[in-house]
Amino acid sequence: MQMPDEFWGAKAVSGLLGLLGAMVSLSILHVLSWRECIGILFSGTITAILFSQPIIDIVRAPPPLASGISFLIGTFGWSVLGAALNLIRKADLWGLVREIARSRWGRRE
């Protein structure tokens, strides 16, 4: 699949491929709510639209690789986000805040 020459056509293809990549990413992340799933699909699409062309320019990828890069941005960018969401959900953030507060303002022995 070759990327179109016109700007909006290229953005539309990047967005579609990012959405497909985010869908693949959702198959990896099993414990997400429906809101998180919609967020990942939306975010994968937007990320692919915004970052595909700059990344293609930075790595100087040939045009045939452009569609694959858009797909990978949608897939891996949001699988990392999903893993971070799971980590935050499982973390004891309140305990961490208490420990920081104790060490900062607590009694020194």
C-alpha atoms as a PDB file:
ATOM      1  CA  MET A   1       0.000   0.000   0.000  1.00  0.00           C
ATOM      2  CA  GLN A   2       1.497   3.304  -1.058  1.00  0.00           C
ATOM      3  CA  MET A   3       0.876   6.507   0.876  1.00  0.00           C
ATOM      4  CA  PRO A   4      -1.078   9.152  -1.081  1.00  0.00           C
ATOM      5  CA  ASP A   5       0.693  12.312  -2.187  1.00  0.00           C
ATOM      6  CA  GLU A   6      -1.830  14.802  -0.870  1.00  0.00           C
ATOM      7  CA  PHE A   7      -1.557  15.845   2.779  1.00  0.00           C
ATOM      8  CA  TRP A   8      -5.047  14.928   4.022  1.00  0.00           C
ATOM      9  CA  GLY A   9      -5.063  11.625   2.176  1.00  0.00           C
ATOM     10  CA  ALA A  10      -1.797  10.657   3.860  1.00  0.00           C
ATOM     11  CA  LYS A  11      -3.169  11.670   7.270  1.00  0.00           C
ATOM     12  CA  ALA A  12      -6.339   9.631   6.687  1.00  0.00           C
ATOM     13  CA  VAL A  13      -4.335   6.538   5.746  1.00  0.00           C
ATOM     14  CA  SER A  14      -2.039   7.036   8.765  1.00  0.00           C
ATOM     15  CA  GLY A  15      -5.069   7.361  11.030  1.00  0.00           C
ATOM     16  CA  LEU A  16      -6.719   4.239   9.637  1.00  0.00           C
ATOM     17  CA  LEU A  17      -3.532   2.215   9.990  1.00  0.00           C
ATOM     18  CA  GLY A  18      -2.998   3.587  13.507  1.00  0.00           C
ATOM     19  CA  LEU A  19      -6.559   2.543  14.403  1.00  0.00           C
ATOM     20  CA  LEU A  20      -5.907  -0.956  13.077  1.00  0.00           C
ATOM     21  CA  GLY A  21      -2.662  -1.092  15.036  1.00  0.00           C
ATOM     22  CA  ALA A  22      -4.461   0.004  18.207  1.00  0.00           C
ATOM     23  CA  MET A  23      -7.022  -2.774  17.630  1.00  0.00           C
ATOM     24  CA  VAL A  24      -4.198  -5.288  17.504  1.00  0.00           C
ATOM     25  CA  SER A  25      -2.819  -3.730  20.670  1.00  0.00           C
ATOM     26  CA  LEU A  26      -6.140  -4.282  22.440  1.00  0.00           C
ATOM     27  CA  SER A  27      -5.857  -8.010  21.814  1.00  0.00           C
ATOM     28  CA  ILE A  28      -2.738  -7.955  24.029  1.00  0.00           C
ATOM     29  CA  LEU A  29      -4.306  -5.933  26.862  1.00  0.00           C
ATOM     30  CA  HIS A  30      -6.935  -8.085  28.527  1.00  0.00           C
ATOM     31  CA  VAL A  31      -7.968  -6.260  31.699  1.00  0.00           C
ATOM     32  CA  LEU A  32      -9.121  -2.900  30.386  1.00  0.00           C
ATOM     33  CA  SER A  33     -12.517  -1.297  30.831  1.00  0.00           C
ATOM     34  CA  TRP A  34     -14.523  -0.272  27.785  1.00  0.00           C
ATOM     35  CA  ARG A  35     -13.585   3.379  28.407  1.00  0.00           C
ATOM     36  CA  GLU A  36      -9.886   2.532  28.376  1.00  0.00           C
ATOM     37  CA  CYS A  37     -10.362   0.537  25.178  1.00  0.00           C
ATOM     38  CA  ILE A  38     -12.042   3.463  23.448  1.00  0.00           C
ATOM     39  CA  GLY A  39      -9.293   5.756  24.738  1.00  0.00           C
ATOM     40  CA  ILE A  40      -6.586   3.484  23.358  1.00  0.00           C
ATOM     41  CA  LEU A  41      -8.313   3.240  19.964  1.00  0.00           C
ATOM     42  CA  PHE A  42      -8.744   7.011  19.796  1.00  0.00           C
ATOM     43  CA  SER A  43      -5.232   7.689  21.049  1.00  0.00           C
ATOM     44  CA  GLY A  44      -3.636   5.173  18.693  1.00  0.00           C
ATOM     45  CA  THR A  45      -5.366   6.833  15.775  1.00  0.00           C
ATOM     46  CA  ILE A  46      -4.402  10.369  16.811  1.00  0.00           C
ATOM     47  CA  THR A  47      -0.826   9.317  17.596  1.00  0.00           C
ATOM     48  CA  ALA A  48      -0.417   7.745  14.172  1.00  0.00           C
ATOM     49  CA  ILE A  49      -1.844  10.846  12.498  1.00  0.00           C
ATOM     50  CA  LEU A  50       0.449  13.209  14.394  1.00  0.00           C
ATOM     51  CA  PHE A  51       3.683  11.241  14.613  1.00  0.00           C
ATOM     52  CA  SER A  52       3.888   9.009  11.539  1.00  0.00           C
ATOM     53  CA  GLN A  53       5.282  11.593   9.152  1.00  0.00           C
ATOM     54  CA  PRO A  54       7.801  13.092  11.607  1.00  0.00           C
ATOM     55  CA  ILE A  55       9.123   9.617  12.460  1.00  0.00           C
ATOM     56  CA  ILE A  56       9.292   8.690   8.783  1.00  0.00           C
ATOM     57  CA  ASP A  57      11.279  11.882   8.148  1.00  0.00           C
ATOM     58  CA  ILE A  58      13.606  11.318  11.127  1.00  0.00           C
ATOM     59  CA  VAL A  59      14.521   7.741  10.170  1.00  0.00           C
ATOM     60  CA  ARG A  60      14.476   8.594   6.444  1.00  0.00           C
ATOM     61  CA  ALA A  61      12.275   5.606   5.681  1.00  0.00           C
ATOM     62  CA  PRO A  62      11.489   4.891   2.044  1.00  0.00           C
ATOM     63  CA  PRO A  63       7.842   5.475   0.983  1.00  0.00           C
ATOM     64  CA  PRO A  64       6.900   1.758   0.911  1.00  0.00           C
ATOM     65  CA  LEU A  65       7.604   1.545   4.665  1.00  0.00           C
ATOM     66  CA  ALA A  66       5.391   4.507   5.578  1.00  0.00           C
ATOM     67  CA  SER A  67       2.217   2.464   6.033  1.00  0.00           C
ATOM     68  CA  GLY A  68       4.003  -0.080   8.219  1.00  0.00           C
ATOM     69  CA  ILE A  69       5.384   2.679  10.425  1.00  0.00           C
ATOM     70  CA  SER A  70       1.883   4.118  10.918  1.00  0.00           C
ATOM     71  CA  PHE A  71       0.584   0.686  11.876  1.00  0.00           C
ATOM     72  CA  LEU A  72       3.415   0.111  14.364  1.00  0.00           C
ATOM     73  CA  ILE A  73       2.928   3.509  15.976  1.00  0.00           C
ATOM     74  CA  GLY A  74      -0.733   2.674  16.602  1.00  0.00           C
ATOM     75  CA  THR A  75       0.154  -0.798  17.911  1.00  0.00           C
ATOM     76  CA  PHE A  76       3.179  -0.384  20.134  1.00  0.00           C
ATOM     77  CA  GLY A  77       2.633   3.162  21.295  1.00  0.00           C
ATOM     78  CA  TRP A  78      -0.591   2.199  23.013  1.00  0.00           C
ATOM     79  CA  SER A  79       0.394  -1.254  24.175  1.00  0.00           C
ATOM     80  CA  VAL A  80       3.009   0.561  26.242  1.00  0.00           C
ATOM     81  CA  LEU A  81       0.279   2.892  27.530  1.00  0.00           C
ATOM     82  CA  GLY A  82      -1.902  -0.090  28.423  1.00  0.00           C
ATOM     83  CA  ALA A  83       0.942  -1.686  30.366  1.00  0.00           C
ATOM     84  CA  ALA A  84       1.518   1.606  32.176  1.00  0.00           C
ATOM     85  CA  LEU A  85      -2.188   1.834  33.039  1.00  0.00           C
ATOM     86  CA  ASN A  86      -2.105  -1.687  34.479  1.00  0.00           C
ATOM     87  CA  LEU A  87       1.007  -0.864  36.483  1.00  0.00           C
ATOM     88  CA  ILE A  88      -0.562   2.291  37.903  1.00  0.00           C
ATOM     89  CA  ARG A  89      -3.758   0.406  38.749  1.00  0.00           C
ATOM     90  CA  LYS A  90      -1.817  -2.252  40.668  1.00  0.00           C
ATOM     91  CA  ALA A  91       0.552   0.169  42.383  1.00  0.00           C
ATOM     92  CA  ASP A  92      -0.082   1.411  45.899  1.00  0.00           C
ATOM     93  CA  LEU A  93       0.157   5.095  45.012  1.00  0.00           C
ATOM     94  CA  TRP A  94      -1.358   6.277  48.298  1.00  0.00           C
ATOM     95  CA  GLY A  95       1.290   4.315  50.199  1.00  0.00           C
ATOM     96  CA  LEU A  96       3.981   5.909  48.064  1.00  0.00           C
ATOM     97  CA  VAL A  97       2.630   9.408  48.756  1.00  0.00           C
ATOM     98  CA  ARG A  98       2.546   8.670  52.513  1.00  0.00           C
ATOM     99  CA  GLU A  99       6.135   7.433  52.473  1.00  0.00           C
ATOM    100  CA  ILE A 100       7.320  10.498  50.594  1.00  0.00           C
ATOM    101  CA  ALA A 101       5.454  12.776  53.000  1.00  0.00           C
ATOM    102  CA  ARG A 102       6.896  10.951  56.027  1.00  0.00           C
ATOM    103  CA  SER A 103      10.430  11.134  54.711  1.00  0.00           C
ATOM    104  CA  ARG A 104      10.030  14.794  53.798  1.00  0.00           C
ATOM    105  CA  TRP A 105       8.205  16.172  56.805  1.00  0.00           C
ATOM    106  CA  GLY A 106       8.358  13.386  59.359  1.00  0.00           C
ATOM    107  CA  ARG A 107      10.589  13.136  62.371  1.00  0.00           C
ATOM    108  CA  ARG A 108      14.227  12.519  61.683  1.00  0.00           C
ATOM    109  CA  GLU A 109      15.799   9.914  63.937  1.00  0.00           C
END
